[in-house]
Amino acid sequence: MELPQVLQYCLKITLVLLGIGHWALVINSSPPAPPASPASFLRSHAKIT
């Protein structure tokens, strides 16, 4: 059963807004970290693996 085009559009917008809200909560609840440069990120990742 196909959903009407408008309903699919509304559903996509709702999912996007929920995703943005979720990530905003995750970012706000996490402690502020210093901005990591790609090189330092790769170095720390290489140490872990």
N, C-alpha and C. Protein backbone atom coordinates (compact mmCIF):
# COMPACT_ATOMS: atom_id res chain seq x y z
N MET A 1 0.85 -1.20 0.00
CA MET A 1 0.00 0.00 0.00
C MET A 1 0.88 1.25 0.00
N GLU A 2 0.72 2.07 -1.02
CA GLU A 2 1.56 3.26 -1.18
C GLU A 2 1.02 4.42 -0.36
N LEU A 3 1.93 5.10 0.32
CA LEU A 3 1.52 6.30 1.05
C LEU A 3 1.41 7.47 0.08
N PRO A 4 0.50 8.40 0.34
CA PRO A 4 0.45 9.61 -0.50
C PRO A 4 1.77 10.36 -0.42
N GLN A 5 2.10 11.08 -1.48
CA GLN A 5 3.38 11.78 -1.57
C GLN A 5 3.55 12.77 -0.42
N VAL A 6 2.49 13.47 -0.07
CA VAL A 6 2.56 14.48 1.00
C VAL A 6 2.88 13.81 2.33
N LEU A 7 2.28 12.66 2.57
CA LEU A 7 2.50 11.95 3.82
C LEU A 7 3.94 11.47 3.92
N GLN A 8 4.49 10.95 2.82
CA GLN A 8 5.90 10.54 2.81
C GLN A 8 6.81 11.72 3.11
N TYR A 9 6.48 12.88 2.53
CA TYR A 9 7.28 14.09 2.73
C TYR A 9 7.26 14.51 4.20
N CYS A 10 6.06 14.49 4.80
CA CYS A 10 5.94 14.87 6.21
C CYS A 10 6.71 13.89 7.10
N LEU A 11 6.65 12.62 6.75
CA LEU A 11 7.34 11.61 7.54
C LEU A 11 8.85 11.83 7.49
N LYS A 12 9.38 12.16 6.30
CA LYS A 12 10.81 12.41 6.16
C LYS A 12 11.23 13.62 6.99
N ILE A 13 10.44 14.69 6.95
CA ILE A 13 10.77 15.89 7.72
C ILE A 13 10.78 15.57 9.22
N THR A 14 9.78 14.79 9.66
CA THR A 14 9.70 14.42 11.07
C THR A 14 10.94 13.63 11.49
N LEU A 15 11.35 12.66 10.68
CA LEU A 15 12.53 11.86 10.99
C LEU A 15 13.78 12.72 11.05
N VAL A 16 13.91 13.66 10.10
CA VAL A 16 15.08 14.53 10.09
C VAL A 16 15.12 15.40 11.33
N LEU A 17 13.97 15.97 11.70
CA LEU A 17 13.91 16.82 12.89
C LEU A 17 14.22 16.02 14.16
N LEU A 18 13.71 14.79 14.22
CA LEU A 18 14.01 13.94 15.38
C LEU A 18 15.50 13.64 15.44
N GLY A 19 16.11 13.38 14.29
CA GLY A 19 17.54 13.10 14.25
C GLY A 19 18.36 14.29 14.70
N ILE A 20 17.98 15.48 14.21
CA ILE A 20 18.71 16.69 14.60
C ILE A 20 18.56 16.93 16.09
N GLY A 21 17.36 16.78 16.61
CA GLY A 21 17.12 16.97 18.04
C GLY A 21 17.92 15.99 18.88
N HIS A 22 17.98 14.74 18.44
CA HIS A 22 18.73 13.72 19.16
C HIS A 22 20.21 14.07 19.22
N TRP A 23 20.77 14.47 18.06
CA TRP A 23 22.18 14.81 18.02
C TRP A 23 22.49 16.06 18.83
N ALA A 24 21.55 17.03 18.83
CA ALA A 24 21.74 18.24 19.64
C ALA A 24 21.80 17.86 21.12
N LEU A 25 20.95 16.93 21.54
CA LEU A 25 20.98 16.47 22.93
C LEU A 25 22.30 15.77 23.24
N VAL A 26 22.75 14.92 22.34
CA VAL A 26 24.00 14.19 22.55
C VAL A 26 25.17 15.16 22.67
N ILE A 27 25.21 16.16 21.77
CA ILE A 27 26.33 17.11 21.78
C ILE A 27 26.27 17.97 23.04
N ASN A 28 25.07 18.40 23.45
CA ASN A 28 24.95 19.27 24.61
C ASN A 28 25.25 18.53 25.91
N SER A 29 24.92 17.24 25.98
CA SER A 29 25.11 16.49 27.22
C SER A 29 26.57 16.04 27.39
N SER A 30 27.30 15.94 26.29
CA SER A 30 28.69 15.51 26.39
C SER A 30 29.56 16.67 26.86
N PRO A 31 30.62 16.40 27.64
CA PRO A 31 31.50 17.48 28.10
C PRO A 31 32.20 18.15 26.92
N PRO A 32 32.39 19.46 26.98
CA PRO A 32 33.04 20.15 25.87
C PRO A 32 34.46 19.66 25.67
N ALA A 33 34.75 19.20 24.48
CA ALA A 33 36.10 18.70 24.16
C ALA A 33 36.80 19.71 23.25
N PRO A 34 38.13 19.81 23.36
CA PRO A 34 38.85 20.70 22.45
C PRO A 34 38.73 20.22 21.02
N PRO A 35 38.61 21.11 20.06
CA PRO A 35 38.48 20.67 18.67
C PRO A 35 39.72 19.91 18.23
N ALA A 36 39.50 18.69 17.77
CA ALA A 36 40.62 17.84 17.38
C ALA A 36 40.88 17.98 15.89
N SER A 37 42.13 18.12 15.53
CA SER A 37 42.49 18.18 14.12
C SER A 37 42.47 16.76 13.55
N PRO A 38 42.27 16.62 12.24
CA PRO A 38 42.25 15.26 11.65
C PRO A 38 43.51 14.47 11.96
N ALA A 39 44.67 15.14 12.00
CA ALA A 39 45.92 14.43 12.23
C ALA A 39 45.95 13.83 13.64
N SER A 40 45.55 14.62 14.64
CA SER A 40 45.57 14.10 16.01
C SER A 40 44.53 13.00 16.17
N PHE A 41 43.39 13.14 15.47
CA PHE A 41 42.37 12.09 15.53
C PHE A 41 42.92 10.79 14.95
N LEU A 42 43.61 10.88 13.81
CA LEU A 42 44.17 9.68 13.19
C LEU A 42 45.24 9.06 14.09
N ARG A 43 46.05 9.91 14.74
CA ARG A 43 47.10 9.38 15.62
C ARG A 43 46.49 8.64 16.80
N SER A 44 45.46 9.24 17.44
CA SER A 44 44.84 8.59 18.59
C SER A 44 44.14 7.30 18.15
N HIS A 45 43.55 7.31 16.96
CA HIS A 45 42.87 6.12 16.45
C HIS A 45 43.89 5.02 16.16
N ALA A 46 45.05 5.39 15.66
CA ALA A 46 46.09 4.40 15.36
C ALA A 46 46.61 3.76 16.64
N LYS A 47 46.67 4.55 17.73
CA LYS A 47 47.12 3.98 19.01
C LYS A 47 46.15 2.95 19.53
N ILE A 48 44.84 3.22 19.36
CA ILE A 48 43.82 2.32 19.91
C ILE A 48 43.86 0.98 19.18
N THR A 49 43.95 1.00 17.88
CA THR A 49 43.89 -0.24 17.10
C THR A 49 45.23 -0.95 17.13
